[in-house]
Amino acid sequence: MTKDHAKTRVTLVGAGINTILSMAKITAGLMLASPALVADGVHSLSDLVSDVLVFWALRHSALAPDENHPYGHGRFETLATLALAAILALTGLGIAWDAAVRLLSGTDSAPGVWALAVIAVSILAKEALYHYTRAVGERTGSRMIIANAWHHRTDALSSVVALIGVGAAQLGFGWGDPVAAIIIAAMLGRVAWEFGKGAVDELVDTQAPDGLRADLQDSLNRTPGVEGLRDLRMRQHGARAVADVSVMVDPHITVTEGHRIAEAARSDALDRIDALEDIIIHVEPAGHFDGFGATEAPLRGEIEGLILTLAQAHPMVANVARVQLGYFEDGLHIEVLARLDPQADHTATEADLTETLRQTLPELRALSLHRQAGLQG
């Protein structure tokens, strides 16, 4: 069974159970004059609404990236989690208000004994549903499914409170029923805060948990060729996380080798960390990622013509095949591949070119001249 299928199945099972329980508890609460049981039934009804939201989010979050959503649809789960939190909070406020009015007005009553039986069945059903839903949520890595599981758990706990309240009313403490309803409302508010805050943190791109970042750091640092990391950022994107980071590599290697190291680091991280959906890696030279070489040195277009002109003006240089620029903290390190005169003294020619270029290019710190093999004229 795929993860998406498992999440859909547990949501539909929860919706079916919540439909039965909410109708049973609200009906029994009205017939038996129990505000706590009605409140508990409304809580189950909010669970049903949450199941509908979760099912909607699952259908959308599973869609592949498209033109309007290039990063995928994972945050549909986040929106659904935030909506669940809002439903819980509003449900809790409504229950607390009704119970407070009853308590202050002195409208106390003792529900019928059948209310206890309805509540007991609800506790067993919702606790079983909680364990089933949470197991699926943890197996699939879905915060939304785990949030829905806790929604089921709060319903089971609220039923326990309702059981105590109704039991107290049966023993002659009529205030027990509305007080139980207020306690249930407070429980709803606490859960709403926890999951609402998590959803908001994700929507505003709050940094991912330290443990997940540490796992990613460890994975990237294991890659051969990676000499360090900089600016590691992670954020939740639905059930999984996305990251971007700069990896430090030897500044003397080629661009293609740096790219190969980055791709190896990316592939290894995605294989090792199941919670990671994607990672963008920027390659930077170790020890030279800022300062003169990174931000102040002239670009190739500004100096290549000068280098070519001065190099090819040397009597021992027949033609320049390639100029390679190295940008370092202490200045420019230039490598020149050229076709030289057969009688040229390589060392002397290199020294002459270095001196000539430094007169007009003071940023030059080192120049290496390479003879183009097999093309001496």
Protein backbone atom coordinates (compact mmCIF):
# COMPACT_ATOMS: atom_id res chain seq x y z
CA MET A 1 0.00 0.00 0.00
CA THR A 2 1.43 3.39 -1.01
CA LYS A 3 1.78 6.24 1.47
CA ASP A 4 -0.90 8.30 -0.28
CA HIS A 5 -3.29 5.35 -0.28
CA ALA A 6 -2.67 4.69 3.42
CA LYS A 7 -3.35 8.33 4.29
CA THR A 8 -6.53 8.37 2.23
CA ARG A 9 -7.77 5.11 3.77
CA VAL A 10 -7.22 6.19 7.40
CA THR A 11 -8.97 9.49 6.67
CA LEU A 12 -12.03 7.77 5.22
CA VAL A 13 -12.18 5.32 8.14
CA GLY A 14 -12.01 8.24 10.57
CA ALA A 15 -14.74 10.10 8.69
CA GLY A 16 -17.07 7.11 8.91
CA ILE A 17 -16.54 6.62 12.65
CA ASN A 18 -16.86 10.34 13.37
CA THR A 19 -20.14 10.54 11.45
CA ILE A 20 -21.65 7.79 13.60
CA LEU A 21 -20.27 9.09 16.91
CA SER A 22 -21.13 12.75 16.37
CA MET A 23 -24.75 11.99 15.46
CA ALA A 24 -25.12 9.56 18.36
CA LYS A 25 -23.65 11.90 20.98
CA ILE A 26 -25.46 15.05 19.85
CA THR A 27 -28.78 13.20 19.64
CA ALA A 28 -28.28 11.53 23.03
CA GLY A 29 -27.09 14.79 24.58
CA LEU A 30 -30.21 16.65 23.43
CA MET A 31 -32.56 13.85 24.47
CA LEU A 32 -30.86 13.32 27.84
CA ALA A 33 -30.27 17.03 28.59
CA SER A 34 -26.48 16.80 28.83
CA PRO A 35 -24.50 19.86 27.66
CA ALA A 36 -21.25 17.94 28.17
CA LEU A 37 -22.44 15.16 25.85
CA VAL A 38 -23.62 17.70 23.27
CA ALA A 39 -20.21 19.41 23.52
CA ASP A 40 -18.51 16.07 23.07
CA GLY A 41 -20.70 15.39 20.05
CA VAL A 42 -19.85 18.75 18.53
CA HIS A 43 -16.17 17.88 19.04
CA SER A 44 -16.71 14.67 17.09
CA LEU A 45 -18.50 16.68 14.42
CA SER A 46 -15.48 18.95 14.17
CA ASP A 47 -13.42 15.78 13.71
CA LEU A 48 -15.66 14.91 10.78
CA VAL A 49 -15.11 18.34 9.26
CA SER A 50 -11.37 17.91 9.78
CA ASP A 51 -11.50 14.56 7.99
CA VAL A 52 -13.12 16.26 5.02
CA LEU A 53 -10.39 18.92 5.03
CA VAL A 54 -7.67 16.30 5.28
CA PHE A 55 -9.17 14.32 2.40
CA TRP A 56 -9.29 17.51 0.30
CA ALA A 57 -5.69 18.33 1.18
CA LEU A 58 -4.53 14.81 0.35
CA ARG A 59 -6.09 14.98 -3.09
CA HIS A 60 -4.33 18.28 -3.81
CA SER A 61 -0.98 17.78 -2.07
CA ALA A 62 -0.35 14.57 -4.05
CA LEU A 63 -0.48 16.46 -7.36
CA ALA A 64 2.77 16.84 -9.26
CA PRO A 65 4.38 20.30 -9.67
CA ASP A 66 2.84 22.38 -12.42
CA GLU A 67 3.26 25.81 -14.00
CA ASN A 68 1.44 27.59 -11.17
CA HIS A 69 2.96 25.44 -8.39
CA PRO A 70 6.57 24.73 -9.45
CA TYR A 71 7.48 23.63 -5.91
CA GLY A 72 4.62 21.14 -5.74
CA HIS A 73 1.42 21.18 -3.69
CA GLY A 74 2.77 20.08 -0.31
CA ARG A 75 1.54 23.17 1.50
CA PHE A 76 -2.07 22.25 0.88
CA GLU A 77 -1.47 19.99 3.88
CA THR A 78 -0.24 23.00 5.83
CA LEU A 79 -3.35 24.99 4.97
CA ALA A 80 -5.52 22.08 6.04
CA THR A 81 -3.65 21.82 9.35
CA LEU A 82 -4.18 25.53 9.97
CA ALA A 83 -7.87 25.15 9.13
CA LEU A 84 -8.12 22.23 11.58
CA ALA A 85 -6.60 24.39 14.30
CA ALA A 86 -9.10 27.16 13.58
CA ILE A 87 -12.02 24.70 13.73
CA LEU A 88 -10.79 23.34 17.06
CA ALA A 89 -10.39 26.84 18.51
CA LEU A 90 -13.83 28.03 17.37
CA THR A 91 -15.46 24.80 18.55
CA GLY A 92 -13.85 25.22 21.96
CA LEU A 93 -15.02 28.82 22.28
CA GLY A 94 -18.59 27.87 21.40
CA ILE A 95 -18.66 25.00 23.89
CA ALA A 96 -17.15 27.12 26.67
CA TRP A 97 -19.65 29.92 26.07
CA ASP A 98 -22.67 27.63 26.21
CA ALA A 99 -21.41 25.83 29.31
CA ALA A 100 -20.57 29.09 31.09
CA VAL A 101 -24.07 30.45 30.41
CA ARG A 102 -25.60 27.28 31.84
CA LEU A 103 -23.33 27.35 34.86
CA LEU A 104 -23.95 31.01 35.66
CA SER A 105 -27.69 30.74 35.11
CA GLY A 106 -27.90 27.77 37.47
CA THR A 107 -29.44 25.55 34.81
CA ASP A 108 -28.27 22.22 36.15
CA SER A 109 -29.68 18.85 35.32
CA ALA A 110 -28.78 15.20 35.73
CA PRO A 111 -28.54 13.44 32.34
CA GLY A 112 -30.01 10.01 31.91
CA VAL A 113 -27.84 7.00 32.69
CA TRP A 114 -27.70 6.10 29.00
CA ALA A 115 -25.45 9.11 28.50
CA LEU A 116 -22.70 7.21 30.33
CA ALA A 117 -22.99 4.26 27.96
CA VAL A 118 -22.78 6.48 24.86
CA ILE A 119 -19.70 8.23 26.23
CA ALA A 120 -17.97 4.95 27.13
CA VAL A 121 -18.41 3.62 23.57
CA SER A 122 -17.06 6.90 22.20
CA ILE A 123 -13.93 6.70 24.36
CA LEU A 124 -13.07 3.22 23.13
CA ALA A 125 -13.73 4.02 19.47
CA LYS A 126 -11.82 7.31 19.43
CA GLU A 127 -8.80 5.95 21.32
CA ALA A 128 -8.52 3.09 18.82
CA LEU A 129 -8.88 5.56 15.94
CA TYR A 130 -6.16 7.76 17.46
CA HIS A 131 -3.61 4.95 17.58
CA TYR A 132 -4.45 3.80 14.04
CA THR A 133 -4.26 7.32 12.57
CA ARG A 134 -1.06 8.29 14.38
CA ALA A 135 0.67 5.10 13.23
CA VAL A 136 -0.17 5.96 9.62
CA GLY A 137 0.95 9.56 10.12
CA GLU A 138 4.33 8.53 11.53
CA ARG A 139 4.86 5.88 8.85
CA THR A 140 4.12 8.36 6.05
CA GLY A 141 5.80 11.36 7.70
CA SER A 142 2.62 13.46 7.44
CA ARG A 143 2.22 16.18 10.08
CA MET A 144 -1.33 16.71 8.88
CA ILE A 145 -2.31 13.07 9.53
CA ILE A 146 -0.61 13.20 12.95
CA ALA A 147 -2.53 16.42 13.71
CA ASN A 148 -5.74 14.66 12.76
CA ALA A 149 -4.78 11.76 15.03
CA TRP A 150 -4.43 14.14 17.94
CA HIS A 151 -7.80 15.58 17.01
CA HIS A 152 -9.16 12.06 17.57
CA ARG A 153 -7.22 11.79 20.85
CA THR A 154 -8.66 15.08 22.16
CA ASP A 155 -12.10 13.75 21.35
CA ALA A 156 -11.35 10.61 23.41
CA LEU A 157 -10.01 12.71 26.27
CA SER A 158 -12.96 15.08 26.10
CA SER A 159 -15.20 12.05 26.33
CA VAL A 160 -13.37 11.03 29.51
CA VAL A 161 -14.03 14.49 30.95
CA ALA A 162 -17.65 14.26 29.81
CA LEU A 163 -17.93 10.86 31.50
CA ILE A 164 -16.71 12.34 34.78
CA GLY A 165 -18.99 15.35 34.45
CA VAL A 166 -22.07 13.30 33.64
CA GLY A 167 -21.17 10.88 36.43
CA ALA A 168 -20.93 13.77 38.87
CA ALA A 169 -24.34 15.03 37.73
CA GLN A 170 -25.78 11.55 38.30
CA LEU A 171 -24.51 11.73 41.87
CA GLY A 172 -26.29 15.03 42.46
CA PHE A 173 -23.58 17.51 41.46
CA GLY A 174 -25.45 19.18 38.63
CA TRP A 175 -22.66 21.68 37.97
CA GLY A 176 -20.37 18.80 37.00
CA ASP A 177 -21.78 18.54 33.48
CA PRO A 178 -21.17 22.19 32.37
CA VAL A 179 -17.82 22.30 34.17
CA ALA A 180 -16.79 19.21 32.19
CA ALA A 181 -17.83 21.00 28.99
CA ILE A 182 -15.60 23.98 29.88
CA ILE A 183 -12.64 21.68 30.54
CA ILE A 184 -13.20 20.04 27.17
CA ALA A 185 -13.20 23.48 25.53
CA ALA A 186 -9.87 24.31 27.17
CA MET A 187 -8.40 21.05 25.85
CA LEU A 188 -9.56 21.96 22.37
CA GLY A 189 -7.93 25.37 22.66
CA ARG A 190 -4.57 23.89 23.70
CA VAL A 191 -4.47 21.46 20.77
CA ALA A 192 -5.58 24.23 18.39
CA TRP A 193 -2.66 26.38 19.55
CA GLU A 194 -0.08 23.64 19.13
CA PHE A 195 -1.04 22.70 15.59
CA GLY A 196 -1.94 26.23 14.51
CA LYS A 197 1.47 27.49 15.59
CA GLY A 198 3.20 24.66 13.71
CA ALA A 199 1.26 25.47 10.53
CA VAL A 200 2.00 29.19 10.80
CA ASP A 201 5.70 28.47 11.41
CA GLU A 202 5.75 26.46 8.20
CA LEU A 203 3.93 29.12 6.18
CA VAL A 204 6.41 31.81 7.28
CA ASP A 205 9.37 29.49 6.52
CA THR A 206 10.57 28.96 10.07
CA GLN A 207 13.81 26.94 10.21
CA ALA A 208 13.30 23.16 10.32
CA PRO A 209 14.03 21.29 13.60
CA ASP A 210 17.68 21.13 14.68
CA GLY A 211 17.72 17.33 14.56
CA LEU A 212 16.76 17.27 10.90
CA ARG A 213 19.34 19.94 10.07
CA ALA A 214 22.02 17.98 11.94
CA ASP A 215 21.20 14.86 9.89
CA LEU A 216 21.55 16.84 6.68
CA GLN A 217 24.84 18.42 7.78
CA ASP A 218 26.24 14.98 8.60
CA SER A 219 25.17 13.58 5.24
CA LEU A 220 26.65 16.45 3.22
CA ASN A 221 29.95 16.46 5.12
CA ARG A 222 30.41 12.75 4.36
CA THR A 223 30.58 13.41 0.62
CA PRO A 224 34.16 13.17 -0.72
CA GLY A 225 35.28 16.60 -1.92
CA VAL A 226 33.06 18.62 0.42
CA GLU A 227 35.33 20.72 2.64
CA GLY A 228 32.65 22.54 4.59
CA LEU A 229 29.14 24.01 4.55
CA ARG A 230 27.73 27.52 4.66
CA ASP A 231 24.27 29.05 4.94
CA LEU A 232 22.33 25.81 5.49
CA ARG A 233 18.61 26.60 5.47
CA MET A 234 15.72 24.17 5.84
CA ARG A 235 11.97 24.63 5.95
CA GLN A 236 8.95 22.41 5.99
CA HIS A 237 7.02 21.97 2.78
CA GLY A 238 3.96 19.95 3.70
CA ALA A 239 4.90 16.56 5.09
CA ARG A 240 8.55 16.89 4.07
CA ALA A 241 11.36 19.45 4.12
CA VAL A 242 13.28 21.37 1.49
CA ALA A 243 16.75 22.86 1.94
CA ASP A 244 19.41 24.97 0.30
CA VAL A 245 23.07 25.16 1.22
CA SER A 246 26.50 26.22 -0.03
CA VAL A 247 29.14 23.49 -0.07
CA MET A 248 32.81 24.41 0.10
CA VAL A 249 35.14 22.68 -2.39
CA ASP A 250 38.83 22.99 -3.30
CA PRO A 251 39.12 26.33 -5.14
CA HIS A 252 41.61 24.87 -7.63
CA ILE A 253 39.30 22.20 -9.11
CA THR A 254 37.27 22.71 -12.28
CA VAL A 255 33.66 23.82 -12.39
CA THR A 256 32.64 20.41 -13.71
CA GLU A 257 34.27 18.61 -10.79
CA GLY A 258 32.61 21.00 -8.34
CA HIS A 259 29.28 20.28 -9.99
CA ARG A 260 29.90 16.54 -9.75
CA ILE A 261 30.65 16.81 -6.04
CA ALA A 262 27.46 18.82 -5.50
CA GLU A 263 25.34 16.27 -7.37
CA ALA A 264 26.86 13.43 -5.33
CA ALA A 265 26.11 15.31 -2.10
CA ARG A 266 22.53 16.00 -3.20
CA SER A 267 21.83 12.41 -4.25
CA ASP A 268 23.28 10.98 -1.03
CA ALA A 269 21.27 13.39 1.16
CA LEU A 270 17.99 12.53 -0.59
CA ASP A 271 18.72 8.82 -0.20
CA ARG A 272 19.68 9.06 3.48
CA ILE A 273 16.97 11.44 4.74
CA ASP A 274 13.42 10.33 3.98
CA ALA A 275 11.97 13.58 5.35
CA LEU A 276 13.92 15.60 2.76
CA GLU A 277 11.97 16.36 -0.40
CA ASP A 278 14.53 18.45 -2.26
CA ILE A 279 17.81 20.32 -1.76
CA ILE A 280 19.47 23.07 -3.80
CA ILE A 281 23.26 23.12 -3.55
CA HIS A 282 25.47 26.08 -4.42
CA VAL A 283 29.19 25.37 -4.91
CA GLU A 284 31.69 27.81 -3.40
CA PRO A 285 35.50 27.77 -3.17
CA ALA A 286 36.70 26.90 0.32
CA GLY A 287 38.31 29.90 1.99
CA HIS A 288 37.42 32.23 -0.86
CA PHE A 289 33.65 32.54 -0.76
CA ASP A 290 33.62 36.28 -0.04
CA GLY A 291 35.96 39.26 -0.12
CA PHE A 292 37.97 40.41 -3.13
CA GLY A 293 37.75 37.24 -5.21
CA ALA A 294 33.99 36.89 -4.79
CA THR A 295 32.74 40.47 -4.85
CA GLU A 296 35.44 42.94 -6.00
CA ALA A 297 37.57 41.31 -8.69
CA PRO A 298 36.91 42.31 -12.32
CA LEU A 299 34.86 39.87 -14.39
CA ARG A 300 36.21 38.04 -17.44
CA GLY A 301 34.56 40.44 -19.86
CA GLU A 302 36.43 43.34 -18.29
CA ILE A 303 39.94 41.85 -18.50
CA GLU A 304 40.05 39.01 -21.03
CA GLY A 305 40.67 41.33 -23.96
CA LEU A 306 43.53 43.01 -22.12
CA ILE A 307 45.14 39.67 -21.24
CA LEU A 308 44.86 38.38 -24.80
CA THR A 309 46.25 41.58 -26.30
CA LEU A 310 49.24 41.80 -23.98
CA ALA A 311 50.02 38.06 -24.14
CA GLN A 312 49.86 37.82 -27.92
CA ALA A 313 52.00 40.94 -28.23
CA HIS A 314 54.89 39.02 -26.69
CA PRO A 315 57.35 37.96 -29.42
CA MET A 316 57.52 34.37 -28.11
CA VAL A 317 53.72 33.88 -28.04
CA ALA A 318 52.23 32.80 -31.36
CA ASN A 319 48.63 32.42 -30.21
CA VAL A 320 46.59 32.17 -26.96
CA ALA A 321 44.24 29.20 -26.91
CA ARG A 322 42.62 29.64 -23.48
CA VAL A 323 42.67 31.92 -20.44
CA GLN A 324 41.60 30.51 -17.07
CA LEU A 325 40.86 32.95 -14.26
CA GLY A 326 41.16 32.07 -10.57
CA TYR A 327 39.47 34.44 -8.11
CA PHE A 328 41.14 34.33 -4.68
CA GLU A 329 41.31 36.48 -1.57
CA ASP A 330 44.79 37.78 -2.42
CA GLY A 331 43.97 38.60 -6.06
CA LEU A 332 43.79 37.00 -9.50
CA HIS A 333 45.58 33.76 -10.36
CA ILE A 334 45.67 33.43 -14.16
CA GLU A 335 46.54 30.42 -16.26
CA VAL A 336 47.27 30.89 -19.98
CA LEU A 337 47.40 28.07 -22.53
CA ALA A 338 49.33 29.30 -25.56
CA ARG A 339 51.20 28.20 -28.69
CA LEU A 340 54.77 29.37 -28.23
CA ASP A 341 57.66 29.93 -30.59
CA PRO A 342 59.75 26.72 -30.80
CA GLN A 343 62.79 28.62 -29.52
CA ALA A 344 60.93 30.24 -26.59
CA ASP A 345 62.34 29.92 -23.07
CA HIS A 346 59.21 28.90 -21.19
CA THR A 347 60.31 30.24 -17.79
CA ALA A 348 61.54 33.56 -19.16
CA THR A 349 58.41 34.03 -21.26
CA GLU A 350 56.20 33.35 -18.24
CA ALA A 351 58.14 35.89 -16.15
CA ASP A 352 57.94 38.52 -18.92
CA LEU A 353 54.17 38.05 -19.27
CA THR A 354 53.68 38.28 -15.51
CA GLU A 355 55.58 41.56 -15.30
CA THR A 356 53.82 43.01 -18.35
CA LEU A 357 50.33 42.13 -17.10
CA ARG A 358 50.98 43.43 -13.58
CA GLN A 359 51.74 46.87 -14.96
CA THR A 360 48.14 47.23 -16.19
CA LEU A 361 46.44 44.63 -14.01
CA PRO A 362 47.64 45.21 -10.42
CA GLU A 363 45.20 42.59 -9.08
CA LEU A 364 47.37 39.86 -10.66
CA ARG A 365 49.10 37.73 -8.03
CA ALA A 366 50.25 34.72 -10.04
CA LEU A 367 50.42 33.71 -13.70
CA SER A 368 51.04 30.22 -15.04
CA LEU A 369 51.93 29.81 -18.70
CA HIS A 370 51.24 26.42 -20.30
CA ARG A 371 52.64 25.43 -23.65
CA GLN A 372 50.03 24.04 -26.03
CA ALA A 373 51.44 20.63 -26.92
CA GLY A 374 51.99 19.60 -30.53
CA LEU A 375 51.23 23.00 -32.03
CA GLN A 376 54.60 24.72 -32.01
CA GLY A 377 54.96 26.28 -35.40
